[in-house]
């Protein structure tokens, strides 16, 4: 059933059992679906995010991860609030675009795409801009693969008494974190990332006390996270509008498989090993990584073009013909391509990839 392995940051390669879970049709009003699938997912997501499950809740929302990012920004930032966005890539910049569309007051601290968000800059900015009420940051910026220092950023945000929004799209479920310990107020991720489901919905892990302040804030009907949460609470898993039933059932299977693997720690270890096999193999072939190892995530790895005559499209086609699909680069300052390390992929897959690349013409 696999014409090729997706080495991308989502959609990604899923297990056969996750695919098989989509072969049954479900009624959106049925208790078997809402109570035994949706509600179990919601509880499991909170338990995955923290041991302090009484302080947090989860909201599932139709659409891609960006829908959830927009839903949070549009539902959380009230008139009179001011958002600080920390950006070192396309997805941080996208939060700025969302704020522009919604007419939200915001500032952006922009950093180089090949650098982490600077903790000292954030500290200095918050020290001199008391009007900031909320801070938003991308944990793993898949533009390059850089992993931002979330623990240090979160500590600073709490010291300054601000609310914290974290886009953990490409890290949640694959990189260990605890939202309560870090003081995260809203965490956003998607079904088709490290939990290894398929595209179709995203989710928000929200501090209950902060979610209560979101009632009546959103100017969008579909992207109102408070209304979505309230409907799910009162309806015991019922979505306000038609839910992606097959995708949801596949996600339940993916959650079970994450638990069977040993949880986030075990999955993180596998992703790290995938990354190590990939990088050591690519370096043995003469390729160089874009980022220094110290700030590199295990989620996706950017490689510089090996020479001026490198034809990415030809390289891509050669790999696809041999069973692998990779990602083009996404930054302007260097010619790169990217290889995802997440999904139902294993170190032996990356060993095979290296052998295939060894045989390619580039």
Protein backbone atom coordinates (compact mmCIF):
# COMPACT_ATOMS: atom_id res chain seq x y z
CA UNK A 1 0.00 0.00 0.00
CA UNK A 2 3.04 2.33 0.17
CA UNK A 3 4.11 3.54 -3.28
CA UNK A 4 6.77 5.60 -1.50
CA UNK A 5 7.83 6.68 1.96
CA UNK A 6 7.00 10.29 2.83
CA UNK A 7 10.01 11.92 4.46
CA UNK A 8 8.12 15.15 5.05
CA UNK A 9 7.00 16.98 8.21
CA UNK A 10 3.30 16.16 7.71
CA UNK A 11 1.44 14.73 5.96
CA UNK A 12 3.74 11.86 6.72
CA UNK A 13 4.02 8.11 6.39
CA UNK A 14 1.33 6.43 8.48
CA UNK A 15 1.03 2.83 9.60
CA UNK A 16 -1.15 0.35 7.74
CA UNK A 17 -3.37 0.06 10.83
CA UNK A 18 -3.95 3.83 10.91
CA UNK A 19 -5.01 3.65 7.26
CA UNK A 20 -7.26 0.66 7.93
CA UNK A 21 -9.04 2.57 10.70
CA UNK A 22 -10.53 4.84 8.00
CA UNK A 23 -12.36 1.97 6.27
CA UNK A 24 -15.43 2.24 8.53
CA UNK A 25 -18.07 4.95 8.24
CA UNK A 26 -19.24 6.73 11.38
CA UNK A 27 -22.33 8.74 12.30
CA UNK A 28 -21.52 12.10 13.86
CA UNK A 29 -24.48 11.80 16.24
CA UNK A 30 -23.69 8.29 17.44
CA UNK A 31 -22.51 7.72 21.00
CA UNK A 32 -19.93 5.17 19.84
CA UNK A 33 -18.27 7.94 17.85
CA UNK A 34 -18.63 10.93 20.18
CA UNK A 35 -18.19 9.35 23.59
CA UNK A 36 -15.93 6.43 22.82
CA UNK A 37 -13.71 8.04 20.19
CA UNK A 38 -13.85 11.87 20.38
CA UNK A 39 -14.02 12.13 24.16
CA UNK A 40 -11.31 9.52 24.64
CA UNK A 41 -9.08 11.47 22.23
CA UNK A 42 -9.72 14.71 24.10
CA UNK A 43 -8.84 13.18 27.46
CA UNK A 44 -5.80 11.39 26.06
CA UNK A 45 -4.44 14.57 24.50
CA UNK A 46 -4.58 16.41 27.81
CA UNK A 47 -2.90 13.47 29.56
CA UNK A 48 -0.20 13.53 26.89
CA UNK A 49 0.36 17.24 27.55
CA UNK A 50 0.56 17.19 31.34
CA UNK A 51 0.02 15.19 34.50
CA UNK A 52 -2.04 18.11 35.84
CA UNK A 53 -5.05 17.14 33.75
CA UNK A 54 -7.55 19.01 35.95
CA UNK A 55 -6.09 22.37 34.88
CA UNK A 56 -6.32 21.82 31.12
CA UNK A 57 -8.78 20.80 28.45
CA UNK A 58 -8.63 20.12 24.72
CA UNK A 59 -10.53 21.39 21.70
CA UNK A 60 -10.58 19.62 18.34
CA UNK A 61 -11.13 21.77 15.25
CA UNK A 62 -11.68 20.92 11.61
CA UNK A 63 -8.98 21.98 9.13
CA UNK A 64 -5.21 22.21 9.01
CA UNK A 65 -2.95 23.31 11.83
CA UNK A 66 -3.07 26.90 10.61
CA UNK A 67 -6.83 26.92 11.21
CA UNK A 68 -6.10 26.21 14.87
CA UNK A 69 -3.39 28.85 15.07
CA UNK A 70 -5.79 31.41 13.63
CA UNK A 71 -8.59 30.19 15.89
CA UNK A 72 -6.44 30.66 19.00
CA UNK A 73 -5.13 34.10 18.05
CA UNK A 74 -8.62 35.26 17.05
CA UNK A 75 -10.27 33.84 20.18
CA UNK A 76 -7.67 34.75 22.80
CA UNK A 77 -6.43 38.27 21.97
CA UNK A 78 -9.09 40.75 23.07
CA UNK A 79 -9.40 44.47 22.31
CA UNK A 80 -6.88 46.20 24.54
CA UNK A 81 -4.51 43.22 24.54
CA UNK A 82 -1.21 43.22 22.67
CA UNK A 83 0.52 40.17 21.23
CA UNK A 84 4.27 39.68 20.90
CA UNK A 85 5.20 37.17 18.19
CA UNK A 86 8.65 35.58 18.26
CA UNK A 87 9.55 34.54 14.72
CA UNK A 88 12.51 32.82 13.11
CA UNK A 89 10.74 31.32 10.11
CA UNK A 90 7.68 31.12 7.89
CA UNK A 91 5.34 29.84 10.59
CA UNK A 92 6.15 32.61 13.04
CA UNK A 93 5.66 35.08 10.20
CA UNK A 94 2.30 33.47 9.44
CA UNK A 95 1.10 34.34 12.95
CA UNK A 96 1.86 37.94 12.07
CA UNK A 97 -0.25 37.61 8.92
CA UNK A 98 -3.11 36.23 10.99
CA UNK A 99 -2.87 39.13 13.44
CA UNK A 100 -2.94 41.56 10.49
CA UNK A 101 -6.09 39.97 9.06
CA UNK A 102 -7.83 40.17 12.43
CA UNK A 103 -6.74 43.73 13.14
CA UNK A 104 -4.98 42.57 16.30
CA UNK A 105 -2.39 44.80 17.95
CA UNK A 106 0.96 43.03 17.85
CA UNK A 107 4.71 43.41 17.73
CA UNK A 108 7.11 40.93 16.18
CA UNK A 109 10.63 40.08 17.27
CA UNK A 110 12.16 38.62 14.11
CA UNK A 111 15.29 36.49 14.18
CA UNK A 112 17.39 34.91 11.48
CA UNK A 113 15.94 31.70 10.07
CA UNK A 114 19.08 29.77 10.96
CA UNK A 115 19.14 30.96 14.59
CA UNK A 116 17.07 30.20 17.66
CA UNK A 117 14.84 32.84 19.19
CA UNK A 118 17.15 34.82 21.49
CA UNK A 119 16.10 34.53 25.13
CA UNK A 120 18.02 37.67 26.13
CA UNK A 121 16.28 39.72 23.40
CA UNK A 122 12.90 38.49 24.58
CA UNK A 123 13.74 39.36 28.18
CA UNK A 124 14.87 42.84 27.20
CA UNK A 125 11.80 43.45 25.05
CA UNK A 126 9.35 42.37 27.72
CA UNK A 127 11.20 44.46 30.29
CA UNK A 128 10.64 47.61 28.21
CA UNK A 129 7.18 46.94 26.76
CA UNK A 130 4.73 46.48 29.61
CA UNK A 131 1.72 46.69 27.28
CA UNK A 132 2.41 43.18 25.94
CA UNK A 133 -0.19 40.76 27.31
CA UNK A 134 0.48 37.60 25.28
CA UNK A 135 3.54 35.98 23.70
CA UNK A 136 3.37 33.50 20.80
CA UNK A 137 6.22 31.29 19.59
CA UNK A 138 6.76 28.30 17.31
CA UNK A 139 8.46 25.44 19.17
CA UNK A 140 9.92 23.62 16.16
CA UNK A 141 10.20 25.89 13.13
CA UNK A 142 9.90 23.49 10.20
CA UNK A 143 11.07 26.17 7.79
CA UNK A 144 14.56 24.95 8.69
CA UNK A 145 14.20 22.41 11.49
CA UNK A 146 15.43 24.69 14.26
CA UNK A 147 14.19 23.84 17.76
CA UNK A 148 13.54 26.99 19.79
CA UNK A 149 14.47 27.05 23.52
CA UNK A 150 10.90 26.69 24.73
CA UNK A 151 11.69 26.08 28.38
CA UNK A 152 13.77 29.25 28.69
CA UNK A 153 11.25 31.32 26.72
CA UNK A 154 8.35 30.03 28.80
CA UNK A 155 10.21 30.82 32.02
CA UNK A 156 10.76 34.41 30.90
CA UNK A 157 7.18 34.88 29.77
CA UNK A 158 5.91 33.76 33.17
CA UNK A 159 8.43 35.95 35.04
CA UNK A 160 7.04 38.93 33.14
CA UNK A 161 3.46 37.88 33.85
CA UNK A 162 2.37 37.30 30.23
CA UNK A 163 0.21 34.60 28.69
CA UNK A 164 1.93 32.06 26.45
CA UNK A 165 0.71 30.62 23.13
CA UNK A 166 2.86 27.84 21.64
CA UNK A 167 2.64 26.52 18.10
CA UNK A 168 3.83 22.97 18.77
CA UNK A 169 2.62 21.75 15.40
CA UNK A 170 5.69 19.70 14.55
CA UNK A 171 6.83 18.80 18.05
CA UNK A 172 3.86 17.74 20.18
CA UNK A 173 3.84 13.99 20.61
CA UNK A 174 7.41 13.69 19.40
CA UNK A 175 9.36 16.02 21.71
CA UNK A 176 8.72 15.74 25.49
CA UNK A 177 7.09 18.72 27.18
CA UNK A 178 4.64 19.47 30.01
CA UNK A 179 2.31 22.42 29.45
CA UNK A 180 1.63 22.93 33.15
CA UNK A 181 5.29 22.86 34.19
CA UNK A 182 6.20 25.29 31.40
CA UNK A 183 3.23 27.55 32.09
CA UNK A 184 1.83 27.27 28.56
CA UNK A 185 -1.69 28.68 28.31
CA UNK A 186 -2.54 27.51 24.78
CA UNK A 187 -0.70 24.82 22.82
CA UNK A 188 -1.58 24.08 19.19
CA UNK A 189 -0.85 21.01 17.10
CA UNK A 190 -2.28 18.88 14.30
CA UNK A 191 -3.41 15.32 13.67
CA UNK A 192 -0.89 14.67 10.91
CA UNK A 193 2.35 15.37 12.74
CA UNK A 194 4.19 13.50 15.49
CA UNK A 195 1.13 11.57 16.65
CA UNK A 196 1.18 10.10 13.12
CA UNK A 197 -2.44 10.51 12.10
CA UNK A 198 -3.72 11.85 8.79
CA UNK A 199 -4.63 15.45 7.81
CA UNK A 200 -8.07 16.82 8.58
CA UNK A 201 -8.16 18.43 12.01
CA UNK A 202 -5.99 20.17 14.55
CA UNK A 203 -6.29 20.57 18.29
CA UNK A 204 -5.67 23.01 21.10
CA UNK A 205 -4.59 22.16 24.65
CA UNK A 206 -5.95 25.07 26.72
CA UNK A 207 -5.62 26.13 30.33
CA UNK A 208 -9.24 26.08 31.50
CA UNK A 209 -9.01 29.32 33.45
CA UNK A 210 -7.72 31.17 30.37
CA UNK A 211 -10.20 29.54 28.00
CA UNK A 212 -13.02 30.98 30.10
CA UNK A 213 -11.86 34.48 29.10
CA UNK A 214 -12.37 33.60 25.41
CA UNK A 215 -16.16 33.59 25.45
CA UNK A 216 -17.50 36.09 22.93
CA UNK A 217 -14.07 37.23 21.74
CA UNK A 218 -13.83 35.58 18.30
CA UNK A 219 -15.25 37.37 15.28
CA UNK A 220 -15.40 34.06 13.40
CA UNK A 221 -18.18 31.52 13.68
CA UNK A 222 -16.15 28.48 12.59
CA UNK A 223 -12.93 29.41 14.38
CA UNK A 224 -14.34 30.22 17.82
CA UNK A 225 -12.48 27.91 20.19
CA UNK A 226 -14.72 28.71 23.16
CA UNK A 227 -17.91 27.82 21.28
CA UNK A 228 -16.26 24.68 19.89
CA UNK A 229 -15.17 23.64 23.38
CA UNK A 230 -18.56 24.39 24.94
CA UNK A 231 -20.36 22.33 22.28
CA UNK A 232 -18.01 19.39 22.86
CA UNK A 233 -18.42 19.64 26.61
CA UNK A 234 -22.21 19.82 26.57
CA UNK A 235 -22.58 17.33 23.71
CA UNK A 236 -20.10 14.79 25.12
CA UNK A 237 -17.83 14.96 22.09
CA UNK A 238 -20.27 16.39 19.55
CA UNK A 239 -18.66 18.86 17.12
CA UNK A 240 -20.54 22.04 16.17
CA UNK A 241 -20.22 21.29 12.46
CA UNK A 242 -19.57 18.08 10.52
CA UNK A 243 -16.46 16.43 11.89
CA UNK A 244 -13.90 14.54 9.77
CA UNK A 245 -15.05 11.17 11.13
CA UNK A 246 -12.60 8.94 9.26
CA UNK A 247 -9.67 11.16 10.20
CA UNK A 248 -10.76 11.22 13.83
CA UNK A 249 -10.99 7.42 13.98
CA UNK A 250 -7.55 7.14 12.39
CA UNK A 251 -6.20 9.55 15.00
CA UNK A 252 -7.60 7.39 17.80
CA UNK A 253 -5.67 4.47 16.33
CA UNK A 254 -2.54 6.62 16.06
CA UNK A 255 -2.88 7.64 19.72
CA UNK A 256 -3.13 3.97 20.71
CA UNK A 257 -0.01 3.20 18.67
CA UNK A 258 1.88 6.04 20.34
CA UNK A 259 1.05 4.50 23.72
CA UNK A 260 2.07 1.04 22.48
CA UNK A 261 5.43 2.42 21.32
CA UNK A 262 6.18 3.64 24.83
CA UNK A 263 4.84 7.19 24.71
CA UNK A 264 6.48 10.45 23.75
CA UNK A 265 9.90 9.59 25.19
CA UNK A 266 10.16 6.42 23.10
CA UNK A 267 8.96 8.16 19.97
CA UNK A 268 11.38 11.02 20.55
CA UNK A 269 14.21 8.51 20.85
CA UNK A 270 13.24 6.91 17.52
CA UNK A 271 13.05 10.27 15.79
CA UNK A 272 16.45 11.21 17.19
CA UNK A 273 17.92 7.96 15.91
CA UNK A 274 16.32 8.55 12.51
CA UNK A 275 17.93 11.97 12.42
CA UNK A 276 21.34 10.67 13.50
CA UNK A 277 21.36 7.94 10.85
CA UNK A 278 20.29 10.45 8.21
CA UNK A 279 22.84 13.13 9.10
CA UNK A 280 25.79 10.81 9.50
CA UNK A 281 24.94 9.12 6.19
CA UNK A 282 24.46 12.38 4.31
CA UNK A 283 27.71 13.81 5.69
CA UNK A 284 29.50 10.68 4.54
CA UNK A 285 28.25 11.50 1.04
CA UNK A 286 29.52 15.09 1.26
CA UNK A 287 26.26 16.87 2.12
CA UNK A 288 26.25 19.61 4.76
CA UNK A 289 23.45 20.49 7.15
CA UNK A 290 22.08 24.03 7.18
CA UNK A 291 21.90 24.24 10.98
CA UNK A 292 24.51 23.53 13.66
CA UNK A 293 23.73 20.37 15.61
CA UNK A 294 23.09 22.28 18.84
CA UNK A 295 19.87 23.90 17.61
CA UNK A 296 18.68 21.16 15.25
CA UNK A 297 15.39 19.40 16.01
CA UNK A 298 14.85 15.69 15.35
CA UNK A 299 11.77 16.54 13.28
CA UNK A 300 13.09 17.76 9.93
CA UNK A 301 16.62 18.37 8.65
CA UNK A 302 17.72 20.93 6.05
CA UNK A 303 20.66 20.18 3.77
CA UNK A 304 22.57 22.62 1.59
CA UNK A 305 22.79 21.93 -2.12
CA UNK A 306 26.07 20.02 -2.67
CA UNK A 307 27.17 22.16 -5.63
CA UNK A 308 26.08 25.02 -7.90
CA UNK A 309 24.84 22.66 -10.60
CA UNK A 310 22.62 20.64 -8.26
CA UNK A 311 19.18 20.06 -9.81
CA UNK A 312 16.71 19.48 -6.99
CA UNK A 313 13.86 18.46 -9.28
CA UNK A 314 15.98 15.74 -10.89
CA UNK A 315 17.18 14.60 -7.46
CA UNK A 316 13.58 14.54 -6.19
CA UNK A 317 12.36 12.46 -9.13
CA UNK A 318 15.22 9.98 -8.77
CA UNK A 319 14.41 9.47 -5.09
CA UNK A 320 10.67 9.18 -5.74
CA UNK A 321 11.28 6.52 -8.38
CA UNK A 322 13.22 4.58 -5.75
CA UNK A 323 10.56 4.93 -3.06
CA UNK A 324 11.28 8.14 -1.15
CA UNK A 325 9.67 11.61 -1.21
CA UNK A 326 11.50 14.56 0.36
CA UNK A 327 10.75 18.29 0.73
CA UNK A 328 12.12 21.37 -1.06
CA UNK A 329 13.78 24.12 0.95
CA UNK A 330 11.82 27.08 2.29
CA UNK A 331 14.35 29.83 3.01
CA UNK A 332 15.65 32.61 0.79
CA UNK A 333 19.22 32.94 2.03
CA UNK A 334 20.45 29.49 0.94
CA UNK A 335 19.59 26.73 -1.52
CA UNK A 336 18.39 23.81 0.57
CA UNK A 337 16.18 20.76 0.62
CA UNK A 338 14.62 19.11 3.66
CA UNK A 339 14.17 15.55 4.88
CA UNK A 340 11.54 14.74 7.51
CA UNK A 341 12.43 12.30 10.27
CA UNK A 342 8.92 11.81 11.69
CA UNK A 343 6.11 9.42 10.88
CA UNK A 344 5.97 5.64 10.70
CA UNK A 345 9.60 5.53 9.59
CA UNK A 346 12.58 3.87 11.23
CA UNK A 347 16.40 3.96 11.20
CA UNK A 348 16.54 1.17 8.61
CA UNK A 349 14.48 3.34 6.25
CA UNK A 350 17.11 6.07 6.49
CA UNK A 351 19.90 3.59 5.93
CA UNK A 352 18.14 2.57 2.70
CA UNK A 353 17.69 6.23 1.77
CA UNK A 354 21.43 6.85 2.09
CA UNK A 355 22.16 3.89 -0.19
CA UNK A 356 19.65 5.19 -2.74
CA UNK A 357 21.20 8.68 -2.66
CA UNK A 358 24.61 7.11 -3.09
CA UNK A 359 23.38 5.71 -6.41
CA UNK A 360 21.72 8.97 -7.60
CA UNK A 361 23.22 11.38 -10.07
CA UNK A 362 23.49 14.90 -8.71
